[in-house]
């Protein structure tokens, strides 16, 4: 895979102006395949107001006719990555190295954009969640927590895994019983891998497809309030 371009600073949606970000916790929003920075930014009313939100745009364009952007290619067909839409196809063509490349691009953006932030956490949906977990594995000390909505942990070993297993930062994982997009082997791998590398919480939502529900958002808010309370308390 060719080297990914830098994330587009001009495409980032911020919840507050530049002068109001320093000293506050930053929550980076990573959308799914075929979506864009506007998708998860719409969750802002459901999230605690003390967080500064930054919704970034993935650097790749999916093959026509898929809309939006992607963090890494998925072979064979289109995956619907918007947080409110249902699944199209379960796809197996997810290259861990491509996920790592995308995570490295996110890390580079955080290094230049999160200066002055009290802490940095990530909330990702689908592809974005996989990239968020991979970024945490690349730099365990850089992130306070990860919220994994309908995503997965990539197979394979990374240099930060041992440190992550010792540190065990908070990770929330939410997924639906009717999510047919993420292949079962990746769900199974995540079930086995995450508890050994994170302080894991979350829920499996009966009847939920590849999407986000109101109950899940309420649980995410509780999680964010708790992790922020732990930081400030």
Foldseek 3Di string as FASTA:
>chain_A
DDQFDAFDPVQKDKPDDPVPAFAFEEEEEEFAPLAFQVQCVVCVVLADPRYIYIRTGARAAAPPPRHGGHQFDFPDDDFDTRQADFGDAAGDRDDVVSLLSSLVSVVVCCVVPVPRYNFYEYEYAASGQQSRVSNCQAPVPRHQEYEYENYFHDDDDDPSQVVQLVVAHEYEYEEEPAARHHDPVRVVVRVVRNVSRHPYDYDYHYPDYSHDDPVRSNVVNVVVVVSVVVSVD
